[in-house]
Protein backbone atom coordinates (compact mmCIF):
# COMPACT_ATOMS: atom_id res chain seq x y z
CA MET A 1 62.89 -9.55 -161.20
CA ARG A 2 65.05 -6.44 -161.13
CA ILE A 3 66.38 -5.25 -164.46
CA ALA A 4 68.81 -2.48 -165.37
CA CYS A 5 69.94 -0.67 -168.48
CA SER A 6 73.40 0.45 -169.62
CA LEU A 7 73.58 3.53 -171.83
CA GLY A 8 76.96 3.31 -173.42
CA SER A 9 79.63 5.08 -175.40
CA LEU A 10 77.79 4.73 -178.71
CA LEU A 11 75.33 7.40 -177.57
CA SER A 12 75.72 11.17 -177.33
CA VAL A 13 75.35 13.09 -174.08
CA ASP A 14 71.98 14.43 -175.26
CA GLN A 15 70.75 10.94 -176.13
CA ILE A 16 71.74 9.53 -172.75
CA LEU A 17 69.92 12.32 -170.94
CA ALA A 18 66.82 11.93 -173.11
CA TYR A 19 66.74 8.16 -172.66
CA SER A 20 67.30 8.50 -168.92
CA SER A 21 64.21 10.71 -168.78
CA LEU A 22 62.22 7.99 -170.55
CA LEU A 23 63.56 5.33 -168.18
CA SER A 24 62.68 7.45 -165.14
CA LYS A 25 58.99 6.78 -165.89
CA THR A 26 59.48 3.01 -165.65
CA ASN A 27 60.17 0.54 -162.83
CA LEU A 28 63.73 0.00 -164.01
CA ASP A 29 66.06 -0.77 -161.10
CA SER A 30 69.08 1.21 -162.23
CA ILE A 31 70.82 3.07 -165.05
CA TRP A 32 74.49 2.35 -165.67
CA VAL A 33 77.00 4.42 -167.62
CA PRO A 34 80.47 3.25 -168.72
CA GLU A 35 83.65 5.30 -168.87
CA THR A 36 86.12 4.55 -171.64
CA TRP A 37 87.73 7.50 -173.44
CA GLY A 38 84.65 9.60 -174.08
CA MET A 39 82.23 10.88 -171.46
CA GLU A 40 83.53 11.39 -167.93
CA ASN A 41 81.52 9.17 -165.65
CA PHE A 42 80.77 11.30 -162.61
CA SER A 43 79.68 14.28 -164.72
CA MET A 44 77.35 12.07 -166.72
CA LEU A 45 75.82 10.39 -163.68
CA SER A 46 75.32 13.78 -162.05
CA ALA A 47 73.37 14.95 -165.09
CA ILE A 48 71.31 11.74 -165.14
CA ALA A 49 70.50 12.25 -161.46
CA SER A 50 68.66 15.44 -162.39
CA LYS A 51 66.57 13.53 -164.96
CA THR A 52 65.54 10.67 -162.68
CA HIS A 53 64.06 10.24 -159.23
CA LYS A 54 63.98 6.60 -158.16
CA GLN A 55 66.43 4.64 -160.32
CA LYS A 56 69.81 3.86 -158.82
CA LEU A 57 72.77 5.17 -160.81
CA GLY A 58 75.79 2.97 -161.44
CA SER A 59 79.28 3.51 -162.85
CA SER A 60 80.32 0.57 -164.99
CA ILE A 61 83.14 1.08 -164.65
CA VAL A 62 85.47 3.74 -163.27
CA ASN A 63 88.99 2.42 -163.62
CA ILE A 64 91.30 2.49 -160.62
CA TYR A 65 94.36 3.80 -162.47
CA SER A 66 92.95 7.12 -163.71
CA ARG A 67 92.15 8.70 -160.32
CA SER A 68 93.32 8.38 -156.76
CA PRO A 69 91.02 6.54 -154.32
CA THR A 70 90.46 9.76 -152.37
CA VAL A 71 89.30 11.57 -155.51
CA ILE A 72 86.87 8.70 -156.16
CA ALA A 73 85.62 8.96 -152.58
CA MET A 74 85.06 12.69 -153.08
CA GLY A 75 83.21 12.05 -156.34
CA ALA A 76 81.07 9.27 -154.88
CA ALA A 77 80.12 11.35 -151.84
CA THR A 78 79.23 14.32 -154.04
CA LEU A 79 77.16 12.22 -156.43
CA ASP A 80 75.40 10.47 -153.61
CA THR A 81 74.38 13.84 -152.21
CA ILE A 82 73.18 15.14 -155.58
CA SER A 83 71.22 11.96 -156.36
CA ASN A 84 69.70 11.55 -152.88
CA GLN A 85 71.60 8.36 -152.05
CA ARG A 86 71.17 6.48 -155.32
CA ILE A 87 74.78 5.85 -156.37
CA ILE A 88 76.35 2.44 -156.94
CA LEU A 89 80.10 2.81 -157.34
CA GLY A 90 81.31 0.35 -159.97
CA LEU A 91 85.10 -0.01 -160.09
CA GLY A 92 87.46 -2.06 -162.21
CA THR A 93 91.01 -2.35 -163.49
CA SER A 94 90.13 -1.63 -167.13
CA SER A 95 92.82 -2.91 -169.55
CA VAL A 96 96.50 -2.49 -170.32
CA PRO A 97 96.00 -0.38 -173.49
CA ILE A 98 93.69 2.09 -171.72
CA VAL A 99 95.77 2.34 -168.55
CA LYS A 100 99.16 2.47 -170.27
CA ASP A 101 98.49 4.23 -173.56
CA PHE A 102 95.60 6.54 -172.64
CA HIS A 103 96.48 7.39 -169.03
CA GLY A 104 100.26 6.93 -169.06
CA ASN A 105 100.27 4.62 -166.04
CA LYS A 106 101.76 1.20 -165.45
CA PHE A 107 99.29 -1.66 -165.21
CA GLN A 108 100.70 -3.20 -162.04
CA ASN A 109 99.35 -5.16 -159.07
CA PRO A 110 95.66 -4.91 -160.06
CA VAL A 111 94.32 -7.17 -157.29
CA GLN A 112 96.27 -5.50 -154.47
CA ARG A 113 95.56 -2.06 -155.89
CA ILE A 114 91.81 -2.53 -156.01
CA LYS A 115 91.82 -4.05 -152.52
CA GLU A 116 93.52 -0.97 -151.07
CA TYR A 117 91.38 1.31 -153.24
CA VAL A 118 88.18 -0.07 -151.75
CA GLU A 119 89.57 0.13 -148.22
CA ILE A 120 90.51 3.79 -148.66
CA ILE A 121 87.17 4.75 -150.19
CA ARG A 122 85.28 3.08 -147.36
CA LEU A 123 87.45 4.75 -144.74
CA SER A 124 87.01 8.12 -146.45
CA LEU A 125 83.24 7.87 -146.43
CA THR A 126 83.18 7.50 -142.65
CA GLY A 127 84.17 11.15 -142.46
CA LYS A 128 87.01 10.36 -140.10
CA GLN A 129 90.64 11.34 -140.63
CA ILE A 130 92.62 8.70 -142.55
CA ASN A 131 96.17 7.61 -141.95
CA TYR A 132 96.65 4.66 -144.26
CA SER A 133 99.71 2.55 -144.96
CA GLY A 134 99.51 -0.06 -147.71
CA GLN A 135 101.73 -1.74 -150.28
CA ILE A 136 100.64 0.77 -152.92
CA TYR A 137 98.95 3.71 -151.19
CA ASN A 138 100.15 5.71 -148.21
CA LEU A 139 97.91 8.52 -146.97
CA LYS A 140 98.35 10.93 -144.09
CA GLY A 141 95.69 13.15 -142.56
CA PHE A 142 93.01 12.95 -145.26
CA THR A 143 89.47 13.89 -144.25
CA LEU A 144 86.49 14.48 -146.51
CA LEU A 145 85.48 18.13 -146.22
CA ILE A 146 81.82 17.35 -146.99
CA GLN A 147 79.60 15.15 -144.87
CA PRO A 148 78.58 12.08 -146.92
CA LYS A 149 74.86 11.33 -147.04
CA ARG A 150 75.73 7.67 -146.45
CA LYS A 151 78.63 6.30 -144.48
CA SER A 152 78.63 3.30 -146.80
CA ILE A 153 78.01 3.58 -150.55
CA PRO A 154 77.59 0.24 -152.37
CA ILE A 155 80.78 -0.76 -154.19
CA TYR A 156 80.62 -3.27 -157.05
CA LEU A 157 83.71 -4.63 -158.78
CA ALA A 158 84.12 -5.72 -162.37
CA ALA A 159 85.83 -9.11 -162.38
CA ILE A 160 86.95 -11.58 -165.01
CA ASN A 161 89.70 -13.87 -163.78
CA LYS A 162 89.64 -16.08 -160.69
CA LYS A 163 91.66 -13.90 -158.30
CA MET A 164 89.54 -10.84 -158.97
CA VAL A 165 86.31 -12.82 -158.68
CA GLU A 166 87.39 -14.21 -155.31
CA LEU A 167 88.47 -10.78 -154.07
CA THR A 168 85.15 -9.30 -155.15
CA TRP A 169 83.21 -11.81 -153.08
CA GLU A 170 85.53 -11.04 -150.18
CA ILE A 171 85.37 -7.22 -150.12
CA ALA A 172 82.59 -5.89 -152.39
CA ASP A 173 78.83 -5.43 -152.18
CA GLY A 174 78.32 -6.68 -155.71
CA ILE A 175 80.01 -7.91 -158.86
CA ILE A 176 79.74 -6.79 -162.48
CA PHE A 177 80.23 -9.62 -164.96
CA TYR A 178 80.67 -9.12 -168.71
CA LEU A 179 81.19 -11.50 -171.64
CA ARG A 180 80.99 -14.70 -169.63
CA PRO A 181 79.52 -17.81 -171.28
CA ILE A 182 76.19 -18.82 -169.76
CA ARG A 183 77.38 -22.23 -168.54
CA GLU A 184 80.51 -20.80 -166.91
CA LEU A 185 78.48 -17.96 -165.43
CA LYS A 186 76.07 -20.38 -163.77
CA GLU A 187 78.88 -22.49 -162.32
CA THR A 188 80.78 -19.48 -160.94
CA ILE A 189 77.71 -17.84 -159.40
CA SER A 190 76.60 -21.07 -157.75
CA LYS A 191 80.06 -21.75 -156.34
CA MET A 192 80.69 -18.23 -155.03
CA GLN A 193 77.20 -17.49 -153.71
CA SER A 194 77.34 -20.68 -151.63
CA LYS A 195 80.18 -19.07 -149.67
CA LYS A 196 78.73 -15.58 -149.30
CA LYS A 197 75.82 -13.69 -150.85
CA ILE A 198 76.53 -10.50 -152.77
CA ASP A 199 74.57 -8.75 -155.53
CA VAL A 200 75.40 -10.39 -158.86
CA THR A 201 75.02 -8.25 -161.94
CA CYS A 202 75.90 -9.04 -165.52
CA GLN A 203 75.99 -6.56 -168.36
CA ILE A 204 74.67 -8.21 -171.52
CA ILE A 205 75.18 -6.96 -175.07
CA THR A 206 71.63 -6.53 -176.33
CA CYS A 207 70.35 -5.85 -179.86
CA VAL A 208 66.59 -5.83 -180.48
CA SER A 209 64.88 -5.25 -183.82
CA GLU A 210 61.82 -6.32 -185.75
CA ASP A 211 64.44 -7.43 -188.29
CA GLY A 212 66.02 -10.30 -186.39
CA ASP A 213 68.87 -10.83 -188.86
CA LEU A 214 69.91 -7.19 -188.57
CA ALA A 215 69.90 -7.41 -184.77
CA ILE A 216 72.01 -10.57 -184.85
CA GLN A 217 74.52 -8.98 -187.21
CA ARG A 218 74.79 -5.97 -184.92
CA ALA A 219 75.43 -8.16 -181.88
CA LYS A 220 78.05 -10.19 -183.73
CA LYS A 221 79.89 -7.01 -184.70
CA THR A 222 79.97 -5.89 -181.07
CA LEU A 223 81.25 -9.26 -179.89
CA ALA A 224 83.88 -9.34 -182.63
CA PHE A 225 85.06 -5.89 -181.58
CA TYR A 226 85.61 -6.88 -177.94
CA ILE A 227 87.28 -10.14 -178.89
CA SER A 228 89.58 -8.36 -181.34
CA VAL A 229 90.76 -5.50 -179.10
CA GLY A 230 90.22 -6.98 -175.64
CA LYS A 231 93.02 -9.39 -174.85
CA ILE A 232 91.64 -10.26 -171.43
CA TYR A 233 88.21 -11.17 -172.87
CA ARG A 234 89.81 -13.09 -175.72
CA GLU A 235 91.95 -15.17 -173.38
CA PHE A 236 89.06 -15.83 -171.01
CA LEU A 237 86.79 -17.03 -173.83
CA GLU A 238 89.59 -19.21 -175.23
CA LYS A 239 89.71 -21.03 -171.90
CA ASN A 240 85.94 -21.34 -171.62
CA GLY A 241 84.68 -23.10 -174.70
CA PHE A 242 85.38 -20.75 -177.59
CA LYS A 243 89.02 -21.31 -178.52
CA ASN A 244 88.40 -21.79 -182.25
CA GLU A 245 86.06 -18.83 -182.60
CA THR A 246 88.30 -16.40 -180.73
CA SER A 247 91.36 -17.49 -182.70
CA ASN A 248 89.58 -17.16 -186.04
CA ILE A 249 88.04 -13.78 -185.18
CA TYR A 250 91.35 -12.37 -183.99
CA ASP A 251 93.31 -13.71 -186.96
CA GLU A 252 90.83 -12.17 -189.38
CA TYR A 253 90.98 -8.89 -187.47
CA LYS A 254 94.76 -8.78 -187.92
CA LYS A 255 94.33 -9.36 -191.66
CA SER A 256 91.43 -7.08 -192.53
CA GLY A 257 90.23 -5.27 -189.41
CA PHE A 258 86.53 -5.35 -188.58
CA LYS A 259 85.33 -5.66 -192.16
CA SER A 260 84.10 -9.24 -191.94
CA ASN A 261 85.48 -10.90 -188.82
CA TYR A 262 82.06 -10.69 -187.15
CA GLU A 263 80.91 -13.41 -189.55
CA LEU A 264 83.12 -15.83 -187.61
CA VAL A 265 81.05 -15.41 -184.42
CA SER A 266 79.27 -18.76 -184.14
CA GLU A 267 75.62 -19.19 -183.19
CA SER A 268 76.60 -20.91 -179.95
CA MET A 269 78.95 -18.05 -179.03
CA LEU A 270 76.27 -15.47 -179.78
CA ASN A 271 73.62 -17.30 -177.74
CA SER A 272 75.98 -17.73 -174.81
CA LEU A 273 77.20 -14.13 -174.62
CA ALA A 274 74.52 -11.80 -175.96
CA ILE A 275 70.84 -11.13 -176.50
CA ALA A 276 69.87 -10.51 -180.13
CA GLY A 277 66.87 -10.87 -182.40
CA VAL A 278 63.19 -9.97 -182.54
CA PRO A 279 61.51 -8.91 -179.28
CA ASN A 280 59.95 -12.26 -178.33
CA ASP A 281 63.19 -14.13 -178.94
CA CYS A 282 65.11 -11.56 -176.87
CA LYS A 283 62.74 -12.03 -173.92
CA LYS A 284 63.40 -15.78 -174.01
CA GLN A 285 67.14 -15.20 -174.20
CA LEU A 286 67.01 -12.89 -171.19
CA GLN A 287 65.30 -15.69 -169.27
CA ASN A 288 68.26 -17.96 -170.07
CA PHE A 289 70.59 -15.46 -168.44
CA LYS A 290 68.32 -15.05 -165.43
CA GLU A 291 68.48 -18.79 -164.82
CA THR A 292 72.24 -18.61 -164.24
CA GLY A 293 71.61 -16.98 -160.86
CA ILE A 294 72.12 -13.34 -161.87
CA ASP A 295 70.36 -10.98 -159.45
CA LEU A 296 70.41 -8.01 -161.81
CA PRO A 297 70.76 -8.34 -165.59
CA ILE A 298 72.04 -5.07 -167.08
CA ILE A 299 70.75 -4.68 -170.62
CA GLN A 300 73.48 -2.99 -172.68
CA PHE A 301 71.71 -0.93 -175.32
CA ASN A 302 73.26 -1.42 -178.75
CA PRO A 303 71.24 0.53 -181.33
CA VAL A 304 69.93 -1.29 -184.39
CA GLY A 305 68.86 1.06 -187.16
CA LYS A 306 67.53 4.46 -186.07
CA THR A 307 68.69 5.01 -182.51
CA ASP A 308 65.55 6.60 -181.06
CA GLU A 309 63.26 3.94 -182.52
CA SER A 310 65.65 1.20 -181.40
CA PHE A 311 65.65 2.48 -177.82
CA LYS A 312 61.86 2.69 -177.65
CA LEU A 313 61.67 -0.92 -178.84
CA LEU A 314 64.18 -1.92 -176.15
CA ILE A 315 61.98 -0.36 -173.46
CA GLN A 316 58.85 -2.01 -174.85
CA THR A 317 60.62 -5.38 -174.91
CA PHE A 318 62.24 -5.49 -171.50
CA VAL A 319 60.83 -2.76 -169.26
CA ASP A 320 57.22 -1.95 -170.19
CA GLU A 321 55.63 -5.24 -169.20
């Protein structure tokens, strides 16, 4: 089965480039890089393209409020040329705090916005002149000055709630899931794939160590962080089997920050949302996620202990088989 790796914001630029070089020697399907408020995504993927030869390169995710759709089309076409047609364009709405507080934009009409965004990007990549009239975007006379290597670059959407999930199956080539309980994930994939087949990916918080307890603690801290600061994840998990845990974790966060609220992540929550433990246990946990119907699990590298040693163990566990 295909498997991918996400090299995230906890790593430095140098580390991501070094680890990408290591991954280039494996049969890994793709390398994914997030964009939050650190590394700029297209620059990072361009650098990774020079360190790899066969792995696809995915953005997970570029948010649709920080750039215009035509700028994204320009970036995607440029990256696809540099990487020899290996780009997967992962888009999403991000969150209210990032869009409003970090970018100074209003978080409005996310479903309609992303629908028009995808339409404009696809039209741009044809190389033809665009005259577009939508509810949000109106363009006149735009034409890409460079000739795209591909007229159609794969577009994957990050989706959490029902409307965005349904839109993704309607307009996208793939979906990027994150922090979805295993049972809910299986039900959603089965229901949606019966209507139309797209590529289903899921990024999974992953902590591997020969010290299983340390790996579990690390995974719990990551989960507690997202539940504490991510309202959309917190509300989704409340509705899907983890109301008590999310409430307790968030309440403790408001009292004392991240000091100890990770201790309130239950075993069932951990097992349903993340991969953590010693290598053999992590392999079994990955199999549980595969059985939900995911086409491409994306292993999100969360270092445990010394980062270089932790990454080598991750490769040995999931990739070098």
